[in-house]
Amino acid sequence: MCPPDSRLRNYCSDGRFWSAVGFVPFWGGDLPIWFYTYAKEPTPRQIRIARAILDYPHNLRGVVENGVFDYYQTHVFGAIDFGDPVVEKECAPCLTEPGQVWRLIPGAEIWISQFCKQGFEEAIEFKLTFECSWDEEHCLGVKFRDWQIVGFGGAAS
């Protein structure tokens, strides 16, 4: 099947999700892009959002770095009981500057849902997801709406 945009490579379905890889200017490199949908193929809204992501020229790495650092300091460090101080120090160590978050959140993927909150149908909404050292099961999701971070949580929440 042809991808909905010529800039997307390896476009395929696994039976539930569609995925592709594309160069994402705001990240400065290739990222997997997942289309979360119950339809037979990505919806027009999802395709519109993917194209906006592939077109967006401004770097968002710093926004993510600072946002995740603030989230980590408030909701992770010292707030999660790992049951073992050694494990806690390994999985949720003390960070002193934003750039240190990258060693705790390797990789990045983009997820575009077919669903949106009522009233935000025209918004550019997506989630950047990362594996993370403090929650290997749920990972980390950074939700964007119109290029601003609007929430943090598990990758699937």
Foldseek 3Di string as FASTA:
>chain_A
DDDPDPQWAPWDDPPAKTWTWGQFQLDRGIAIEIEGDRDPYHDPLQSVLVVCRNVDNHHCPVVVLVVVVVCLVPCNQVNDCPVDPVLSCVQRNDDDDSVVQPVFWDGWHKYDYPDDDPPQSVWNKIWIFTQGSRCNPQGKIFIDTNSHTDDIDGNVD
